[in-house]
């Protein structure tokens, strides 16, 4: 049985057709999914805020499990994707999703649990988001890399449409620039 599943779908937004390929963070199958990005116009990375500072079991070598906070797993994977040579010319769009659930989580668990250096107000959504955005940006080694970060709530369709408009605008501007038209 193949344990790596890559799914894709077509999505139409304001007359634009998007093909979205979901590789679900499958590091072990990179050789299978990285070629899918050879004709991509952008790389979207979605990180769920839900239970971000909760622990999960990470399977290490030789079957040993270790507890790791989800945020560190997300940061590791983002760093890996952000610095992939194959993806280096693409705009990178990071969606920090489920902000509504994260707001509830930080009411009882501060980011200091994961990051002792966090100095923001413990239950401040704004401070917590600003800190996490900086942490994600530190993962990007190329200082000239185009990275756009959006904090989202997937159930807010109005917000998502505005963000998709912004993403579309980014892709179109990139193509116009590459063609020397801007």
C-alpha atoms as a PDB file:
ATOM      1  CA  UNK A   1       0.000   0.000   0.000  1.00  0.00           C
ATOM      2  CA  UNK A   2       1.313   3.468  -0.909  1.00  0.00           C
ATOM      3  CA  UNK A   3       1.410   5.549   2.275  1.00  0.00           C
ATOM      4  CA  UNK A   4       2.121   8.777   0.378  1.00  0.00           C
ATOM      5  CA  UNK A   5      -0.913  10.386  -1.196  1.00  0.00           C
ATOM      6  CA  UNK A   6      -0.727  13.497  -3.316  1.00  0.00           C
ATOM      7  CA  UNK A   7      -4.081  14.975  -4.205  1.00  0.00           C
ATOM      8  CA  UNK A   8      -5.008  17.818  -6.506  1.00  0.00           C
ATOM      9  CA  UNK A   9      -8.081  19.770  -7.451  1.00  0.00           C
ATOM     10  CA  UNK A  10      -9.065  22.596  -9.742  1.00  0.00           C
ATOM     11  CA  UNK A  11     -10.415  25.711  -8.104  1.00  0.00           C
ATOM     12  CA  UNK A  12     -12.019  28.636  -9.913  1.00  0.00           C
ATOM     13  CA  UNK A  13     -11.905  32.070  -8.303  1.00  0.00           C
ATOM     14  CA  UNK A  14     -13.003  35.200 -10.178  1.00  0.00           C
ATOM     15  CA  UNK A  15     -12.593  33.447 -13.514  1.00  0.00           C
ATOM     16  CA  UNK A  16      -9.052  32.281 -12.732  1.00  0.00           C
ATOM     17  CA  UNK A  17      -8.387  28.548 -12.681  1.00  0.00           C
ATOM     18  CA  UNK A  18      -6.084  27.315  -9.952  1.00  0.00           C
ATOM     19  CA  UNK A  19      -4.704  23.817  -9.739  1.00  0.00           C
ATOM     20  CA  UNK A  20      -3.962  23.114  -6.125  1.00  0.00           C
ATOM     21  CA  UNK A  21      -1.691  20.180  -5.310  1.00  0.00           C
ATOM     22  CA  UNK A  22      -1.747  18.988  -1.714  1.00  0.00           C
ATOM     23  CA  UNK A  23       1.326  17.044  -0.654  1.00  0.00           C
ATOM     24  CA  UNK A  24       0.356  17.166   3.034  1.00  0.00           C
ATOM     25  CA  UNK A  25       3.917  17.773   4.211  1.00  0.00           C
ATOM     26  CA  UNK A  26       5.146  14.368   3.059  1.00  0.00           C
ATOM     27  CA  UNK A  27       8.869  14.739   3.519  1.00  0.00           C
ATOM     28  CA  UNK A  28       9.557  11.080   2.854  1.00  0.00           C
ATOM     29  CA  UNK A  29       8.052  11.307  -0.627  1.00  0.00           C
ATOM     30  CA  UNK A  30       9.738  14.526  -1.766  1.00  0.00           C
ATOM     31  CA  UNK A  31      11.223  12.874  -4.849  1.00  0.00           C
ATOM     32  CA  UNK A  32       7.673  12.051  -5.922  1.00  0.00           C
ATOM     33  CA  UNK A  33       6.052  15.449  -5.284  1.00  0.00           C
ATOM     34  CA  UNK A  34       8.779  18.016  -5.888  1.00  0.00           C
ATOM     35  CA  UNK A  35       8.525  17.603  -9.718  1.00  0.00           C
ATOM     36  CA  UNK A  36       4.858  18.655  -9.476  1.00  0.00           C
ATOM     37  CA  UNK A  37       6.096  22.188  -8.827  1.00  0.00           C
ATOM     38  CA  UNK A  38       8.088  22.506 -12.073  1.00  0.00           C
ATOM     39  CA  UNK A  39       5.224  24.448 -13.685  1.00  0.00           C
ATOM     40  CA  UNK A  40       3.894  26.091 -10.540  1.00  0.00           C
ATOM     41  CA  UNK A  41       3.298  29.816 -10.266  1.00  0.00           C
ATOM     42  CA  UNK A  42       3.453  29.928  -6.472  1.00  0.00           C
ATOM     43  CA  UNK A  43       3.958  27.696  -3.478  1.00  0.00           C
ATOM     44  CA  UNK A  44       1.262  27.859  -0.808  1.00  0.00           C
ATOM     45  CA  UNK A  45       2.172  26.519   2.600  1.00  0.00           C
ATOM     46  CA  UNK A  46      -0.692  26.078   5.048  1.00  0.00           C
ATOM     47  CA  UNK A  47       0.014  25.833   8.741  1.00  0.00           C
ATOM     48  CA  UNK A  48      -2.887  25.283  11.083  1.00  0.00           C
ATOM     49  CA  UNK A  49      -2.828  27.296  14.280  1.00  0.00           C
ATOM     50  CA  UNK A  50      -5.054  24.630  15.847  1.00  0.00           C
ATOM     51  CA  UNK A  51      -3.267  22.976  18.773  1.00  0.00           C
ATOM     52  CA  UNK A  52      -0.032  24.561  17.585  1.00  0.00           C
ATOM     53  CA  UNK A  53       1.551  24.537  21.012  1.00  0.00           C
ATOM     54  CA  UNK A  54       0.217  21.074  21.830  1.00  0.00           C
ATOM     55  CA  UNK A  55       2.579  18.113  21.850  1.00  0.00           C
ATOM     56  CA  UNK A  56       2.445  15.309  19.339  1.00  0.00           C
ATOM     57  CA  UNK A  57       4.433  12.123  18.995  1.00  0.00           C
ATOM     58  CA  UNK A  58       7.190  12.261  16.393  1.00  0.00           C
ATOM     59  CA  UNK A  59       8.571   8.945  15.201  1.00  0.00           C
ATOM     60  CA  UNK A  60      12.364   8.983  15.161  1.00  0.00           C
ATOM     61  CA  UNK A  61      14.859   6.468  13.824  1.00  0.00           C
ATOM     62  CA  UNK A  62      14.537   2.872  14.973  1.00  0.00           C
ATOM     63  CA  UNK A  63      10.862   3.313  15.898  1.00  0.00           C
ATOM     64  CA  UNK A  64      11.536   5.521  18.941  1.00  0.00           C
ATOM     65  CA  UNK A  65       8.866   8.163  19.592  1.00  0.00           C
ATOM     66  CA  UNK A  66       9.482  11.562  21.090  1.00  0.00           C
ATOM     67  CA  UNK A  67       7.036  14.279  22.031  1.00  0.00           C
ATOM     68  CA  UNK A  68       7.493  17.486  20.071  1.00  0.00           C
ATOM     69  CA  UNK A  69       5.377  20.595  19.966  1.00  0.00           C
ATOM     70  CA  UNK A  70       3.529  20.937  16.656  1.00  0.00           C
ATOM     71  CA  UNK A  71       4.976  24.397  16.111  1.00  0.00           C
ATOM     72  CA  UNK A  72       8.495  22.991  15.814  1.00  0.00           C
ATOM     73  CA  UNK A  73       7.352  20.362  13.334  1.00  0.00           C
ATOM     74  CA  UNK A  74       5.655  23.106  11.283  1.00  0.00           C
ATOM     75  CA  UNK A  75       8.734  25.367  11.419  1.00  0.00           C
ATOM     76  CA  UNK A  76      11.032  22.500  10.367  1.00  0.00           C
ATOM     77  CA  UNK A  77       8.849  21.600   7.418  1.00  0.00           C
ATOM     78  CA  UNK A  78       8.428  25.249   6.385  1.00  0.00           C
ATOM     79  CA  UNK A  79      12.197  25.765   6.493  1.00  0.00           C
ATOM     80  CA  UNK A  80      12.674  22.686   4.343  1.00  0.00           C
ATOM     81  CA  UNK A  81      10.125  23.849   1.754  1.00  0.00           C
ATOM     82  CA  UNK A  82      11.190  27.523   1.810  1.00  0.00           C
ATOM     83  CA  UNK A  83      14.777  26.599   1.037  1.00  0.00           C
ATOM     84  CA  UNK A  84      14.139  23.962  -1.642  1.00  0.00           C
ATOM     85  CA  UNK A  85      16.161  24.836  -4.740  1.00  0.00           C
ATOM     86  CA  UNK A  86      13.299  23.683  -6.995  1.00  0.00           C
ATOM     87  CA  UNK A  87      10.949  26.184  -5.349  1.00  0.00           C
ATOM     88  CA  UNK A  88      13.392  29.064  -4.925  1.00  0.00           C
ATOM     89  CA  UNK A  89      12.035  31.199  -7.793  1.00  0.00           C
ATOM     90  CA  UNK A  90       8.387  30.886  -6.742  1.00  0.00           C
ATOM     91  CA  UNK A  91       6.592  33.325  -4.479  1.00  0.00           C
ATOM     92  CA  UNK A  92       6.009  31.571  -1.173  1.00  0.00           C
ATOM     93  CA  UNK A  93       2.644  32.215   0.419  1.00  0.00           C
ATOM     94  CA  UNK A  94       2.247  31.108   4.016  1.00  0.00           C
ATOM     95  CA  UNK A  95      -1.254  30.724   5.384  1.00  0.00           C
ATOM     96  CA  UNK A  96      -1.416  30.635   9.176  1.00  0.00           C
ATOM     97  CA  UNK A  97      -4.909  29.189   9.365  1.00  0.00           C
ATOM     98  CA  UNK A  98      -7.490  28.694  12.119  1.00  0.00           C
ATOM     99  CA  UNK A  99      -6.563  31.885  13.943  1.00  0.00           C
ATOM    100  CA  UNK A 100      -9.909  31.709  15.774  1.00  0.00           C
ATOM    101  CA  UNK A 101      -8.877  28.439  17.436  1.00  0.00           C
ATOM    102  CA  UNK A 102      -5.389  29.742  18.187  1.00  0.00           C
ATOM    103  CA  UNK A 103      -6.901  32.736  19.969  1.00  0.00           C
ATOM    104  CA  UNK A 104      -8.718  30.322  22.302  1.00  0.00           C
ATOM    105  CA  UNK A 105      -5.599  28.207  22.821  1.00  0.00           C
ATOM    106  CA  UNK A 106      -3.389  31.091  23.939  1.00  0.00           C
ATOM    107  CA  UNK A 107      -5.958  32.024  26.577  1.00  0.00           C
ATOM    108  CA  UNK A 108      -4.764  29.007  28.573  1.00  0.00           C
ATOM    109  CA  UNK A 109      -1.343  28.151  27.062  1.00  0.00           C
ATOM    110  CA  UNK A 110       1.231  30.884  26.413  1.00  0.00           C
ATOM    111  CA  UNK A 111       3.710  30.778  23.540  1.00  0.00           C
ATOM    112  CA  UNK A 112       6.357  30.806  26.276  1.00  0.00           C
ATOM    113  CA  UNK A 113       5.687  27.082  26.625  1.00  0.00           C
ATOM    114  CA  UNK A 114       7.407  26.604  23.269  1.00  0.00           C
ATOM    115  CA  UNK A 115       9.494  29.771  23.140  1.00  0.00           C
ATOM    116  CA  UNK A 116      10.920  30.936  26.476  1.00  0.00           C
ATOM    117  CA  UNK A 117      12.218  34.046  24.668  1.00  0.00           C
ATOM    118  CA  UNK A 118       8.663  35.164  23.822  1.00  0.00           C
ATOM    119  CA  UNK A 119       8.165  38.500  25.614  1.00  0.00           C
ATOM    120  CA  UNK A 120       4.727  39.478  24.340  1.00  0.00           C
ATOM    121  CA  UNK A 121       1.600  39.601  26.454  1.00  0.00           C
ATOM    122  CA  UNK A 122       0.846  35.913  27.155  1.00  0.00           C
ATOM    123  CA  UNK A 123      -2.751  35.919  25.906  1.00  0.00           C
ATOM    124  CA  UNK A 124      -2.341  38.597  23.215  1.00  0.00           C
ATOM    125  CA  UNK A 125      -3.339  37.329  19.785  1.00  0.00           C
ATOM    126  CA  UNK A 126      -1.586  40.237  18.067  1.00  0.00           C
ATOM    127  CA  UNK A 127       1.697  39.727  19.959  1.00  0.00           C
ATOM    128  CA  UNK A 128       1.597  35.959  19.431  1.00  0.00           C
ATOM    129  CA  UNK A 129       0.948  36.242  15.698  1.00  0.00           C
ATOM    130  CA  UNK A 130       3.701  38.848  15.248  1.00  0.00           C
ATOM    131  CA  UNK A 131       6.158  36.583  17.076  1.00  0.00           C
ATOM    132  CA  UNK A 132       5.232  33.520  14.997  1.00  0.00           C
ATOM    133  CA  UNK A 133       5.476  35.442  11.726  1.00  0.00           C
ATOM    134  CA  UNK A 134       9.037  36.441  12.663  1.00  0.00           C
ATOM    135  CA  UNK A 135       9.865  32.842  13.569  1.00  0.00           C
ATOM    136  CA  UNK A 136       8.637  31.599  10.199  1.00  0.00           C
ATOM    137  CA  UNK A 137      10.567  34.333   8.361  1.00  0.00           C
ATOM    138  CA  UNK A 138      13.765  33.290  10.170  1.00  0.00           C
ATOM    139  CA  UNK A 139      13.426  29.925   8.408  1.00  0.00           C
ATOM    140  CA  UNK A 140      13.925  31.529   4.989  1.00  0.00           C
ATOM    141  CA  UNK A 141      17.632  31.679   4.176  1.00  0.00           C
ATOM    142  CA  UNK A 142      17.385  33.836   1.039  1.00  0.00           C
ATOM    143  CA  UNK A 143      16.801  37.454   2.157  1.00  0.00           C
ATOM    144  CA  UNK A 144      15.436  38.294  -1.324  1.00  0.00           C
ATOM    145  CA  UNK A 145      12.810  35.540  -1.337  1.00  0.00           C
ATOM    146  CA  UNK A 146       9.256  36.765  -1.814  1.00  0.00           C
ATOM    147  CA  UNK A 147       7.282  35.493   1.185  1.00  0.00           C
ATOM    148  CA  UNK A 148       3.737  36.586   1.891  1.00  0.00           C
ATOM    149  CA  UNK A 149       2.143  35.666   5.203  1.00  0.00           C
ATOM    150  CA  UNK A 150      -1.598  35.667   5.736  1.00  0.00           C
ATOM    151  CA  UNK A 151      -3.349  34.893   9.001  1.00  0.00           C
ATOM    152  CA  UNK A 152      -6.627  33.257   8.099  1.00  0.00           C
ATOM    153  CA  UNK A 153      -9.797  31.704   9.358  1.00  0.00           C
ATOM    154  CA  UNK A 154     -10.933  29.270   6.655  1.00  0.00           C
ATOM    155  CA  UNK A 155     -14.555  29.612   7.713  1.00  0.00           C
ATOM    156  CA  UNK A 156     -14.476  33.338   6.832  1.00  0.00           C
ATOM    157  CA  UNK A 157     -15.147  33.106   3.098  1.00  0.00           C
ATOM    158  CA  UNK A 158     -15.014  36.873   2.573  1.00  0.00           C
ATOM    159  CA  UNK A 159     -11.516  37.014   4.010  1.00  0.00           C
ATOM    160  CA  UNK A 160     -10.394  34.019   1.952  1.00  0.00           C
ATOM    161  CA  UNK A 161     -11.667  35.597  -1.271  1.00  0.00           C
ATOM    162  CA  UNK A 162      -9.695  38.780  -0.506  1.00  0.00           C
ATOM    163  CA  UNK A 163      -6.581  36.719   0.158  1.00  0.00           C
ATOM    164  CA  UNK A 164      -7.035  34.680  -3.026  1.00  0.00           C
ATOM    165  CA  UNK A 165      -7.394  37.962  -4.935  1.00  0.00           C
ATOM    166  CA  UNK A 166      -4.109  39.082  -3.385  1.00  0.00           C
ATOM    167  CA  UNK A 167      -2.428  35.784  -4.308  1.00  0.00           C
ATOM    168  CA  UNK A 168      -3.732  36.029  -7.882  1.00  0.00           C
ATOM    169  CA  UNK A 169      -2.471  39.607  -8.089  1.00  0.00           C
ATOM    170  CA  UNK A 170       0.953  38.471  -6.888  1.00  0.00           C
ATOM    171  CA  UNK A 171       1.164  35.742  -9.526  1.00  0.00           C
ATOM    172  CA  UNK A 172       0.026  38.042 -12.352  1.00  0.00           C
ATOM    173  CA  UNK A 173       2.503  40.778 -11.344  1.00  0.00           C
ATOM    174  CA  UNK A 174       5.287  38.211 -11.225  1.00  0.00           C
ATOM    175  CA  UNK A 175       4.517  37.061 -14.777  1.00  0.00           C
ATOM    176  CA  UNK A 176       4.275  40.635 -16.082  1.00  0.00           C
ATOM    177  CA  UNK A 177       7.605  41.455 -14.466  1.00  0.00           C
ATOM    178  CA  UNK A 178       9.250  38.333 -15.912  1.00  0.00           C
ATOM    179  CA  UNK A 179       7.995  39.366 -19.360  1.00  0.00           C
ATOM    180  CA  UNK A 180       9.472  42.850 -18.885  1.00  0.00           C
ATOM    181  CA  UNK A 181       6.056  44.505 -18.996  1.00  0.00           C
ATOM    182  CA  UNK A 182       6.235  46.066 -15.535  1.00  0.00           C
END
